[in-house]
């Protein structure tokens, strides 16, 4: 769903209620926690309430899939990088350059 400042807009009510069925389970897509992992704001919670109410009105079940992009997900940190390769992190060791002769 398109949103600004991580706050859903009223069109999301229609979108999710159209997909709700009695006893059906809706899972929201990639609901961002925040860039740096913080508790939801009051505005974000209030934006979700009418959506969940619309799904419940059709006897549907709604689950908010919480999503986070990983250890390095702060966009401001990305913008301050001088070398993009220095920004790439992995749990596996990855060689980013010419392979040395063995």
PDB file of N, CA and C in Angstrom:
ATOM      1  N   UNK A   1       0.827  -1.183   0.000  1.00  0.00           N
ATOM      2  CA  UNK A   1       0.000   0.000   0.000  1.00  0.00           C
ATOM      3  C   UNK A   1       0.870   1.246   0.000  1.00  0.00           C
ATOM      4  N   UNK A   2       0.522   2.163  -0.811  1.00  0.00           N
ATOM      5  CA  UNK A   2       1.247   3.433  -0.858  1.00  0.00           C
ATOM      6  C   UNK A   2       0.884   4.249   0.372  1.00  0.00           C
ATOM      7  N   UNK A   3       1.898   4.801   1.026  1.00  0.00           N
ATOM      8  CA  UNK A   3       1.659   5.655   2.181  1.00  0.00           C
ATOM      9  C   UNK A   3       2.740   6.717   2.248  1.00  0.00           C
ATOM     10  N   UNK A   4       2.485   7.728   3.024  1.00  0.00           N
ATOM     11  CA  UNK A   4       3.452   8.790   3.248  1.00  0.00           C
ATOM     12  C   UNK A   4       3.745   8.846   4.735  1.00  0.00           C
ATOM     13  N   UNK A   5       5.015   9.017   5.089  1.00  0.00           N
ATOM     14  CA  UNK A   5       5.440   9.044   6.499  1.00  0.00           C
ATOM     15  C   UNK A   5       5.059   7.767   7.226  1.00  0.00           C
ATOM     16  N   UNK A   6       5.017   6.641   6.505  1.00  0.00           N
ATOM     17  CA  UNK A   6       4.676   5.334   7.081  1.00  0.00           C
ATOM     18  C   UNK A   6       3.295   5.307   7.727  1.00  0.00           C
ATOM     19  N   UNK A   7       2.374   6.114   7.218  1.00  0.00           N
ATOM     20  CA  UNK A   7       0.997   6.145   7.726  1.00  0.00           C
ATOM     21  C   UNK A   7       0.071   5.804   6.566  1.00  0.00           C
ATOM     22  N   UNK A   8      -0.728   4.762   6.716  1.00  0.00           N
ATOM     23  CA  UNK A   8      -1.649   4.350   5.654  1.00  0.00           C
ATOM     24  C   UNK A   8      -2.700   5.409   5.385  1.00  0.00           C
ATOM     25  N   UNK A   9      -3.179   5.434   4.163  1.00  0.00           N
ATOM     26  CA  UNK A   9      -4.204   6.378   3.732  1.00  0.00           C
ATOM     27  C   UNK A   9      -5.550   5.656   3.654  1.00  0.00           C
ATOM     28  N   UNK A  10      -6.654   6.430   3.618  1.00  0.00           N
ATOM     29  CA  UNK A  10      -7.990   5.826   3.630  1.00  0.00           C
ATOM     30  C   UNK A  10      -8.256   4.807   2.526  1.00  0.00           C
ATOM     31  N   UNK A  11      -7.598   4.891   1.375  1.00  0.00           N
ATOM     32  CA  UNK A  11      -7.866   3.916   0.306  1.00  0.00           C
ATOM     33  C   UNK A  11      -7.515   2.491   0.736  1.00  0.00           C
ATOM     34  N   UNK A  12      -6.692   2.342   1.768  1.00  0.00           N
ATOM     35  CA  UNK A  12      -6.332   1.005   2.251  1.00  0.00           C
ATOM     36  C   UNK A  12      -7.537   0.300   2.872  1.00  0.00           C
ATOM     37  N   UNK A  13      -8.482   1.063   3.404  1.00  0.00           N
ATOM     38  CA  UNK A  13      -9.693   0.467   3.988  1.00  0.00           C
ATOM     39  C   UNK A  13     -10.447  -0.302   2.906  1.00  0.00           C
ATOM     40  N   UNK A  14     -10.684   0.335   1.761  1.00  0.00           N
ATOM     41  CA  UNK A  14     -11.385  -0.310   0.651  1.00  0.00           C
ATOM     42  C   UNK A  14     -10.582  -1.499   0.123  1.00  0.00           C
ATOM     43  N   UNK A  15      -9.287  -1.323  -0.035  1.00  0.00           N
ATOM     44  CA  UNK A  15      -8.421  -2.378  -0.563  1.00  0.00           C
ATOM     45  C   UNK A  15      -8.530  -3.649   0.271  1.00  0.00           C
ATOM     46  N   UNK A  16      -8.357  -3.524   1.579  1.00  0.00           N
ATOM     47  CA  UNK A  16      -8.376  -4.711   2.432  1.00  0.00           C
ATOM     48  C   UNK A  16      -9.789  -5.247   2.655  1.00  0.00           C
ATOM     49  N   UNK A  17     -10.791  -4.372   2.775  1.00  0.00           N
ATOM     50  CA  UNK A  17     -12.154  -4.868   2.999  1.00  0.00           C
ATOM     51  C   UNK A  17     -12.679  -5.616   1.777  1.00  0.00           C
ATOM     52  N   UNK A  18     -12.251  -5.246   0.571  1.00  0.00           N
ATOM     53  CA  UNK A  18     -12.659  -5.970  -0.640  1.00  0.00           C
ATOM     54  C   UNK A  18     -12.109  -7.396  -0.651  1.00  0.00           C
ATOM     55  N   UNK A  19     -11.022  -7.619   0.044  1.00  0.00           N
ATOM     56  CA  UNK A  19     -10.380  -8.932   0.055  1.00  0.00           C
ATOM     57  C   UNK A  19     -10.764  -9.769   1.268  1.00  0.00           C
ATOM     58  N   UNK A  20     -11.551  -9.207   2.155  1.00  0.00           N
ATOM     59  CA  UNK A  20     -11.938  -9.910   3.378  1.00  0.00           C
ATOM     60  C   UNK A  20     -13.097 -10.866   3.114  1.00  0.00           C
ATOM     61  N   UNK A  21     -13.026 -12.054   3.708  1.00  0.00           N
ATOM     62  CA  UNK A  21     -14.111 -13.022   3.655  1.00  0.00           C
ATOM     63  C   UNK A  21     -14.307 -13.597   5.044  1.00  0.00           C
ATOM     64  N   UNK A  22     -15.486 -14.135   5.289  1.00  0.00           N
ATOM     65  CA  UNK A  22     -15.794 -14.694   6.600  1.00  0.00           C
ATOM     66  C   UNK A  22     -14.801 -15.806   6.938  1.00  0.00           C
ATOM     67  N   UNK A  23     -14.084 -15.608   8.033  1.00  0.00           N
ATOM     68  CA  UNK A  23     -13.114 -16.603   8.478  1.00  0.00           C
ATOM     69  C   UNK A  23     -11.808 -16.593   7.708  1.00  0.00           C
ATOM     70  N   UNK A  24     -11.714 -15.727   6.687  1.00  0.00           N
ATOM     71  CA  UNK A  24     -10.477 -15.647   5.902  1.00  0.00           C
ATOM     72  C   UNK A  24      -9.406 -14.867   6.649  1.00  0.00           C
ATOM     73  N   UNK A  25      -8.163 -15.193   6.378  1.00  0.00           N
ATOM     74  CA  UNK A  25      -7.035 -14.525   7.022  1.00  0.00           C
ATOM     75  C   UNK A  25      -6.342 -13.619   6.019  1.00  0.00           C
ATOM     76  N   UNK A  26      -6.260 -12.336   6.337  1.00  0.00           N
ATOM     77  CA  UNK A  26      -5.508 -11.385   5.521  1.00  0.00           C
ATOM     78  C   UNK A  26      -4.199 -11.078   6.230  1.00  0.00           C
ATOM     79  N   UNK A  27      -3.124 -11.116   5.487  1.00  0.00           N
ATOM     80  CA  UNK A  27      -1.816 -10.760   6.034  1.00  0.00           C
ATOM     81  C   UNK A  27      -1.344  -9.517   5.297  1.00  0.00           C
ATOM     82  N   UNK A  28      -1.130  -8.443   6.039  1.00  0.00           N
ATOM     83  CA  UNK A  28      -0.670  -7.193   5.433  1.00  0.00           C
ATOM     84  C   UNK A  28       0.724  -7.390   4.853  1.00  0.00           C
ATOM     85  N   UNK A  29       0.980  -6.719   3.760  1.00  0.00           N
ATOM     86  CA  UNK A  29       2.275  -6.874   3.103  1.00  0.00           C
ATOM     87  C   UNK A  29       3.326  -5.961   3.710  1.00  0.00           C
ATOM     88  N   UNK A  30       4.489  -6.491   3.976  1.00  0.00           N
ATOM     89  CA  UNK A  30       5.691  -5.755   4.373  1.00  0.00           C
ATOM     90  C   UNK A  30       5.412  -4.469   5.142  1.00  0.00           C
ATOM     91  N   UNK A  31       4.863  -4.591   6.327  1.00  0.00           N
ATOM     92  CA  UNK A  31       4.572  -3.433   7.153  1.00  0.00           C
ATOM     93  C   UNK A  31       5.850  -2.998   7.856  1.00  0.00           C
ATOM     94  N   UNK A  32       6.371  -1.855   7.469  1.00  0.00           N
ATOM     95  CA  UNK A  32       7.654  -1.392   7.970  1.00  0.00           C
ATOM     96  C   UNK A  32       7.557  -1.010   9.437  1.00  0.00           C
ATOM     97  N   UNK A  33       8.503  -1.472  10.210  1.00  0.00           N
ATOM     98  CA  UNK A  33       8.573  -1.087  11.617  1.00  0.00           C
ATOM     99  C   UNK A  33       9.054   0.352  11.679  1.00  0.00           C
ATOM    100  N   UNK A  34      10.227   0.619  11.200  1.00  0.00           N
ATOM    101  CA  UNK A  34      10.795   1.956  11.026  1.00  0.00           C
ATOM    102  C   UNK A  34      12.209   1.781  10.526  1.00  0.00           C
ATOM    103  N   UNK A  35      12.856   2.864  10.181  1.00  0.00           N
ATOM    104  CA  UNK A  35      14.230   2.768   9.692  1.00  0.00           C
ATOM    105  C   UNK A  35      15.169   2.240  10.769  1.00  0.00           C
ATOM    106  N   UNK A  36      14.922   2.606  12.009  1.00  0.00           N
ATOM    107  CA  UNK A  36      15.843   2.226  13.077  1.00  0.00           C
ATOM    108  C   UNK A  36      15.176   1.403  14.170  1.00  0.00           C
ATOM    109  N   UNK A  37      14.042   0.849  13.910  1.00  0.00           N
ATOM    110  CA  UNK A  37      13.378  -0.030  14.868  1.00  0.00           C
ATOM    111  C   UNK A  37      12.865   0.695  16.097  1.00  0.00           C
ATOM    112  N   UNK A  38      11.683   1.236  16.010  1.00  0.00           N
ATOM    113  CA  UNK A  38      11.071   1.913  17.150  1.00  0.00           C
ATOM    114  C   UNK A  38       9.609   1.511  17.236  1.00  0.00           C
ATOM    115  N   UNK A  39       8.978   1.870  18.308  1.00  0.00           N
ATOM    116  CA  UNK A  39       7.567   1.543  18.509  1.00  0.00           C
ATOM    117  C   UNK A  39       6.726   2.402  17.567  1.00  0.00           C
ATOM    118  N   UNK A  40       5.596   1.874  17.162  1.00  0.00           N
ATOM    119  CA  UNK A  40       4.690   2.592  16.273  1.00  0.00           C
ATOM    120  C   UNK A  40       4.263   3.916  16.880  1.00  0.00           C
ATOM    121  N   UNK A  41       4.026   4.879  16.015  1.00  0.00           N
ATOM    122  CA  UNK A  41       3.504   6.162  16.473  1.00  0.00           C
ATOM    123  C   UNK A  41       1.987   6.043  16.622  1.00  0.00           C
ATOM    124  N   UNK A  42       1.411   6.973  17.353  1.00  0.00           N
ATOM    125  CA  UNK A  42      -0.044   6.992  17.536  1.00  0.00           C
ATOM    126  C   UNK A  42      -0.749   7.154  16.182  1.00  0.00           C
ATOM    127  N   UNK A  43      -0.181   7.969  15.296  1.00  0.00           N
ATOM    128  CA  UNK A  43      -0.783   8.186  13.972  1.00  0.00           C
ATOM    129  C   UNK A  43      -0.811   6.892  13.155  1.00  0.00           C
ATOM    130  N   UNK A  44       0.245   6.091  13.251  1.00  0.00           N
ATOM    131  CA  UNK A  44       0.276   4.824  12.518  1.00  0.00           C
ATOM    132  C   UNK A  44      -0.774   3.861  13.058  1.00  0.00           C
ATOM    133  N   UNK A  45      -0.887   3.776  14.372  1.00  0.00           N
ATOM    134  CA  UNK A  45      -1.887   2.893  14.992  1.00  0.00           C
ATOM    135  C   UNK A  45      -3.288   3.336  14.594  1.00  0.00           C
ATOM    136  N   UNK A  46      -3.552   4.635  14.655  1.00  0.00           N
ATOM    137  CA  UNK A  46      -4.881   5.153  14.306  1.00  0.00           C
ATOM    138  C   UNK A  46      -5.212   4.903  12.834  1.00  0.00           C
ATOM    139  N   UNK A  47      -4.220   4.923  11.954  1.00  0.00           N
ATOM    140  CA  UNK A  47      -4.464   4.665  10.528  1.00  0.00           C
ATOM    141  C   UNK A  47      -4.850   3.212  10.284  1.00  0.00           C
ATOM    142  N   UNK A  48      -4.319   2.283  11.076  1.00  0.00           N
ATOM    143  CA  UNK A  48      -4.639   0.860  10.905  1.00  0.00           C
ATOM    144  C   UNK A  48      -6.013   0.497  11.465  1.00  0.00           C
ATOM    145  N   UNK A  49      -6.505   1.217  12.471  1.00  0.00           N
ATOM    146  CA  UNK A  49      -7.768   0.839  13.134  1.00  0.00           C
ATOM    147  C   UNK A  49      -8.947   0.704  12.175  1.00  0.00           C
ATOM    148  N   UNK A  50      -9.241   1.687  11.303  1.00  0.00           N
ATOM    149  CA  UNK A  50     -10.396   1.508  10.408  1.00  0.00           C
ATOM    150  C   UNK A  50     -10.209   0.377   9.402  1.00  0.00           C
ATOM    151  N   UNK A  51      -8.979   0.076   9.040  1.00  0.00           N
ATOM    152  CA  UNK A  51      -8.711  -1.031   8.117  1.00  0.00           C
ATOM    153  C   UNK A  51      -9.059  -2.352   8.785  1.00  0.00           C
ATOM    154  N   UNK A  52      -8.558  -2.532   9.995  1.00  0.00           N
ATOM    155  CA  UNK A  52      -8.844  -3.765  10.737  1.00  0.00           C
ATOM    156  C   UNK A  52     -10.336  -3.867  11.036  1.00  0.00           C
ATOM    157  N   UNK A  53     -10.977  -2.751  11.385  1.00  0.00           N
ATOM    158  CA  UNK A  53     -12.421  -2.756  11.641  1.00  0.00           C
ATOM    159  C   UNK A  53     -13.202  -3.181  10.398  1.00  0.00           C
ATOM    160  N   UNK A  54     -12.780  -2.704   9.210  1.00  0.00           N
ATOM    161  CA  UNK A  54     -13.472  -3.065   7.964  1.00  0.00           C
ATOM    162  C   UNK A  54     -13.327  -4.552   7.667  1.00  0.00           C
ATOM    163  N   UNK A  55     -12.158  -5.117   7.931  1.00  0.00           N
ATOM    164  CA  UNK A  55     -11.951  -6.556   7.730  1.00  0.00           C
ATOM    165  C   UNK A  55     -12.779  -7.342   8.740  1.00  0.00           C
ATOM    166  N   UNK A  56     -12.789  -6.906   9.993  1.00  0.00           N
ATOM    167  CA  UNK A  56     -13.586  -7.581  11.027  1.00  0.00           C
ATOM    168  C   UNK A  56     -15.084  -7.490  10.724  1.00  0.00           C
ATOM    169  N   UNK A  57     -15.525  -6.392  10.102  1.00  0.00           N
ATOM    170  CA  UNK A  57     -16.945  -6.244   9.755  1.00  0.00           C
ATOM    171  C   UNK A  57     -17.391  -7.332   8.782  1.00  0.00           C
ATOM    172  N   UNK A  58     -16.466  -7.879   8.012  1.00  0.00           N
ATOM    173  CA  UNK A  58     -16.777  -8.981   7.095  1.00  0.00           C
ATOM    174  C   UNK A  58     -16.390 -10.324   7.700  1.00  0.00           C
ATOM    175  N   UNK A  59     -16.199 -10.340   9.029  1.00  0.00           N
ATOM    176  CA  UNK A  59     -15.833 -11.551   9.779  1.00  0.00           C
ATOM    177  C   UNK A  59     -14.491 -12.123   9.328  1.00  0.00           C
ATOM    178  N   UNK A  60     -13.632 -11.272   8.806  1.00  0.00           N
ATOM    179  CA  UNK A  60     -12.294 -11.709   8.420  1.00  0.00           C
ATOM    180  C   UNK A  60     -11.328 -11.561   9.584  1.00  0.00           C
ATOM    181  N   UNK A  61     -10.188 -12.190   9.448  1.00  0.00           N
ATOM    182  CA  UNK A  61      -9.128 -12.129  10.454  1.00  0.00           C
ATOM    183  C   UNK A  61      -7.970 -11.376   9.823  1.00  0.00           C
ATOM    184  N   UNK A  62      -7.378 -10.469  10.567  1.00  0.00           N
ATOM    185  CA  UNK A  62      -6.304  -9.647  10.014  1.00  0.00           C
ATOM    186  C   UNK A  62      -5.033  -9.827  10.819  1.00  0.00           C
ATOM    187  N   UNK A  63      -3.922  -9.986  10.113  1.00  0.00           N
ATOM    188  CA  UNK A  63      -2.618 -10.144  10.754  1.00  0.00           C
ATOM    189  C   UNK A  63      -1.660  -9.148  10.125  1.00  0.00           C
ATOM    190  N   UNK A  64      -1.008  -8.380  10.947  1.00  0.00           N
ATOM    191  CA  UNK A  64      -0.051  -7.398  10.459  1.00  0.00           C
ATOM    192  C   UNK A  64       1.337  -8.027  10.419  1.00  0.00           C
ATOM    193  N   UNK A  65       1.867  -8.208   9.227  1.00  0.00           N
ATOM    194  CA  UNK A  65       3.193  -8.794   9.055  1.00  0.00           C
ATOM    195  C   UNK A  65       4.246  -7.713   9.293  1.00  0.00           C
ATOM    196  N   UNK A  66       4.953  -7.815  10.402  1.00  0.00           N
ATOM    197  CA  UNK A  66       5.964  -6.816  10.726  1.00  0.00           C
ATOM    198  C   UNK A  66       7.230  -7.131   9.942  1.00  0.00           C
ATOM    199  N   UNK A  67       7.815  -6.116   9.326  1.00  0.00           N
ATOM    200  CA  UNK A  67       8.930  -6.300   8.416  1.00  0.00           C
ATOM    201  C   UNK A  67      10.038  -5.317   8.748  1.00  0.00           C
ATOM    202  N   UNK A  68      11.239  -5.791   8.692  1.00  0.00           N
ATOM    203  CA  UNK A  68      12.399  -4.923   8.873  1.00  0.00           C
ATOM    204  C   UNK A  68      13.454  -5.356   7.869  1.00  0.00           C
ATOM    205  N   UNK A  69      14.166  -4.408   7.312  1.00  0.00           N
ATOM    206  CA  UNK A  69      15.111  -4.696   6.237  1.00  0.00           C
ATOM    207  C   UNK A  69      16.443  -5.263   6.708  1.00  0.00           C
ATOM    208  N   UNK A  70      16.662  -5.362   7.987  1.00  0.00           N
ATOM    209  CA  UNK A  70      17.903  -5.968   8.469  1.00  0.00           C
ATOM    210  C   UNK A  70      18.757  -5.026   9.283  1.00  0.00           C
ATOM    211  N   UNK A  71      19.984  -5.467   9.515  1.00  0.00           N
ATOM    212  CA  UNK A  71      20.887  -4.723  10.389  1.00  0.00           C
ATOM    213  C   UNK A  71      21.162  -3.312   9.904  1.00  0.00           C
ATOM    214  N   UNK A  72      21.374  -3.170   8.633  1.00  0.00           N
ATOM    215  CA  UNK A  72      21.724  -1.870   8.071  1.00  0.00           C
ATOM    216  C   UNK A  72      20.571  -1.428   7.180  1.00  0.00           C
ATOM    217  N   UNK A  73      19.592  -0.766   7.767  1.00  0.00           N
ATOM    218  CA  UNK A  73      18.431  -0.361   6.983  1.00  0.00           C
ATOM    219  C   UNK A  73      18.135   1.123   7.116  1.00  0.00           C
ATOM    220  N   UNK A  74      18.975   1.851   7.810  1.00  0.00           N
ATOM    221  CA  UNK A  74      18.743   3.275   7.983  1.00  0.00           C
ATOM    222  C   UNK A  74      19.142   4.002   6.703  1.00  0.00           C
ATOM    223  N   UNK A  75      18.175   4.627   6.061  1.00  0.00           N
ATOM    224  CA  UNK A  75      18.405   5.266   4.772  1.00  0.00           C
ATOM    225  C   UNK A  75      19.442   6.383   4.867  1.00  0.00           C
ATOM    226  N   UNK A  76      19.458   7.132   5.975  1.00  0.00           N
ATOM    227  CA  UNK A  76      20.433   8.210   6.119  1.00  0.00           C
ATOM    228  C   UNK A  76      21.856   7.656   6.141  1.00  0.00           C
ATOM    229  N   UNK A  77      22.026   6.461   6.692  1.00  0.00           N
ATOM    230  CA  UNK A  77      23.343   5.829   6.693  1.00  0.00           C
ATOM    231  C   UNK A  77      23.754   5.466   5.265  1.00  0.00           C
ATOM    232  N   UNK A  78      22.786   5.030   4.478  1.00  0.00           N
ATOM    233  CA  UNK A  78      23.048   4.698   3.077  1.00  0.00           C
ATOM    234  C   UNK A  78      23.509   5.931   2.311  1.00  0.00           C
ATOM    235  N   UNK A  79      22.834   7.058   2.523  1.00  0.00           N
ATOM    236  CA  UNK A  79      23.167   8.276   1.794  1.00  0.00           C
ATOM    237  C   UNK A  79      24.541   8.819   2.155  1.00  0.00           C
ATOM    238  N   UNK A  80      25.021   8.525   3.356  1.00  0.00           N
ATOM    239  CA  UNK A  80      26.311   9.056   3.787  1.00  0.00           C
ATOM    240  C   UNK A  80      27.486   8.186   3.335  1.00  0.00           C
ATOM    241  N   UNK A  81      27.215   7.068   2.677  1.00  0.00           N
ATOM    242  CA  UNK A  81      28.296   6.175   2.240  1.00  0.00           C
ATOM    243  C   UNK A  81      29.016   6.754   1.030  1.00  0.00           C
ATOM    244  N   UNK A  82      30.330   6.693   1.052  1.00  0.00           N
ATOM    245  CA  UNK A  82      31.121   7.139  -0.097  1.00  0.00           C
ATOM    246  C   UNK A  82      31.371   5.990  -1.060  1.00  0.00           C
ATOM    247  N   UNK A  83      31.471   4.802  -0.542  1.00  0.00           N
ATOM    248  CA  UNK A  83      31.746   3.632  -1.365  1.00  0.00           C
ATOM    249  C   UNK A  83      30.620   2.635  -1.136  1.00  0.00           C
ATOM    250  N   UNK A  84      29.811   2.403  -2.166  1.00  0.00           N
ATOM    251  CA  UNK A  84      28.646   1.531  -2.011  1.00  0.00           C
ATOM    252  C   UNK A  84      29.026   0.152  -1.503  1.00  0.00           C
ATOM    253  N   UNK A  85      30.164  -0.385  -1.930  1.00  0.00           N
ATOM    254  CA  UNK A  85      30.574  -1.724  -1.502  1.00  0.00           C
ATOM    255  C   UNK A  85      30.811  -1.795   0.002  1.00  0.00           C
ATOM    256  N   UNK A  86      31.212  -0.682   0.609  1.00  0.00           N
ATOM    257  CA  UNK A  86      31.390  -0.682   2.058  1.00  0.00           C
ATOM    258  C   UNK A  86      30.059  -0.808   2.787  1.00  0.00           C
ATOM    259  N   UNK A  87      28.970  -0.508   2.088  1.00  0.00           N
ATOM    260  CA  UNK A  87      27.651  -0.559   2.710  1.00  0.00           C
ATOM    261  C   UNK A  87      27.073  -1.964   2.717  1.00  0.00           C
ATOM    262  N   UNK A  88      27.553  -2.827   1.843  1.00  0.00           N
ATOM    263  CA  UNK A  88      27.008  -4.173   1.729  1.00  0.00           C
ATOM    264  C   UNK A  88      27.487  -5.043   2.880  1.00  0.00           C
ATOM    265  N   UNK A  89      26.551  -5.565   3.647  1.00  0.00           N
ATOM    266  CA  UNK A  89      26.871  -6.442   4.759  1.00  0.00           C
ATOM    267  C   UNK A  89      26.196  -7.788   4.538  1.00  0.00           C
ATOM    268  N   UNK A  90      26.809  -8.825   5.021  1.00  0.00           N
ATOM    269  CA  UNK A  90      26.248 -10.155   4.881  1.00  0.00           C
ATOM    270  C   UNK A  90      26.673 -10.995   6.070  1.00  0.00           C
ATOM    271  N   UNK A  91      25.857 -12.005   6.400  1.00  0.00           N
ATOM    272  CA  UNK A  91      26.276 -12.921   7.450  1.00  0.00           C
ATOM    273  C   UNK A  91      27.340 -13.869   6.923  1.00  0.00           C
ATOM    274  N   UNK A  92      27.455 -13.952   5.600  1.00  0.00           N
ATOM    275  CA  UNK A  92      28.479 -14.784   4.964  1.00  0.00           C
ATOM    276  C   UNK A  92      29.597 -13.874   4.455  1.00  0.00           C
ATOM    277  N   UNK A  93      30.811 -14.348   4.516  1.00  0.00           N
ATOM    278  CA  UNK A  93      31.917 -13.559   3.994  1.00  0.00           C
ATOM    279  C   UNK A  93      31.839 -13.557   2.468  1.00  0.00           C
ATOM    280  N   UNK A  94      31.792 -12.373   1.895  1.00  0.00           N
ATOM    281  CA  UNK A  94      31.664 -12.219   0.453  1.00  0.00           C
ATOM    282  C   UNK A  94      32.849 -11.403  -0.044  1.00  0.00           C
ATOM    283  N   UNK A  95      33.515 -11.895  -1.068  1.00  0.00           N
ATOM    284  CA  UNK A  95      34.644 -11.172  -1.642  1.00  0.00           C
ATOM    285  C   UNK A  95      34.124 -10.274  -2.749  1.00  0.00           C
ATOM    286  N   UNK A  96      34.359  -8.970  -2.646  1.00  0.00           N
ATOM    287  CA  UNK A  96      33.880  -8.010  -3.635  1.00  0.00           C
ATOM    288  C   UNK A  96      35.062  -7.401  -4.389  1.00  0.00           C
ATOM    289  N   UNK A  97      35.659  -8.141  -5.251  1.00  0.00           N
ATOM    290  CA  UNK A  97      36.788  -7.630  -6.014  1.00  0.00           C
ATOM    291  C   UNK A  97      37.402  -8.734  -6.847  1.00  0.00           C
ATOM    292  N   UNK A  98      38.524  -8.437  -7.508  1.00  0.00           N
ATOM    293  CA  UNK A  98      39.174  -9.464  -8.312  1.00  0.00           C
ATOM    294  C   UNK A  98      39.638 -10.620  -7.440  1.00  0.00           C
ATOM    295  N   UNK A  99      39.513 -11.812  -7.952  1.00  0.00           N
ATOM    296  CA  UNK A  99      39.939 -12.999  -7.206  1.00  0.00           C
ATOM    297  C   UNK A  99      41.460 -13.117  -7.270  1.00  0.00           C
ATOM    298  N   UNK A 100      42.128 -13.296  -6.133  1.00  0.00           N
ATOM    299  CA  UNK A 100      43.583 -13.457  -6.157  1.00  0.00           C
ATOM    300  C   UNK A 100      43.947 -14.831  -6.724  1.00  0.00           C
ATOM    301  N   UNK A 101      45.142 -14.913  -7.303  1.00  0.00           N
ATOM    302  CA  UNK A 101      45.624 -16.205  -7.796  1.00  0.00           C
ATOM    303  C   UNK A 101      45.914 -17.121  -6.612  1.00  0.00           C
ATOM    304  N   UNK A 102      45.571 -18.376  -6.731  1.00  0.00           N
ATOM    305  CA  UNK A 102      45.833 -19.322  -5.637  1.00  0.00           C
ATOM    306  C   UNK A 102      46.930 -20.283  -6.007  1.00  0.00           C
TER     307      UNK A 102
END
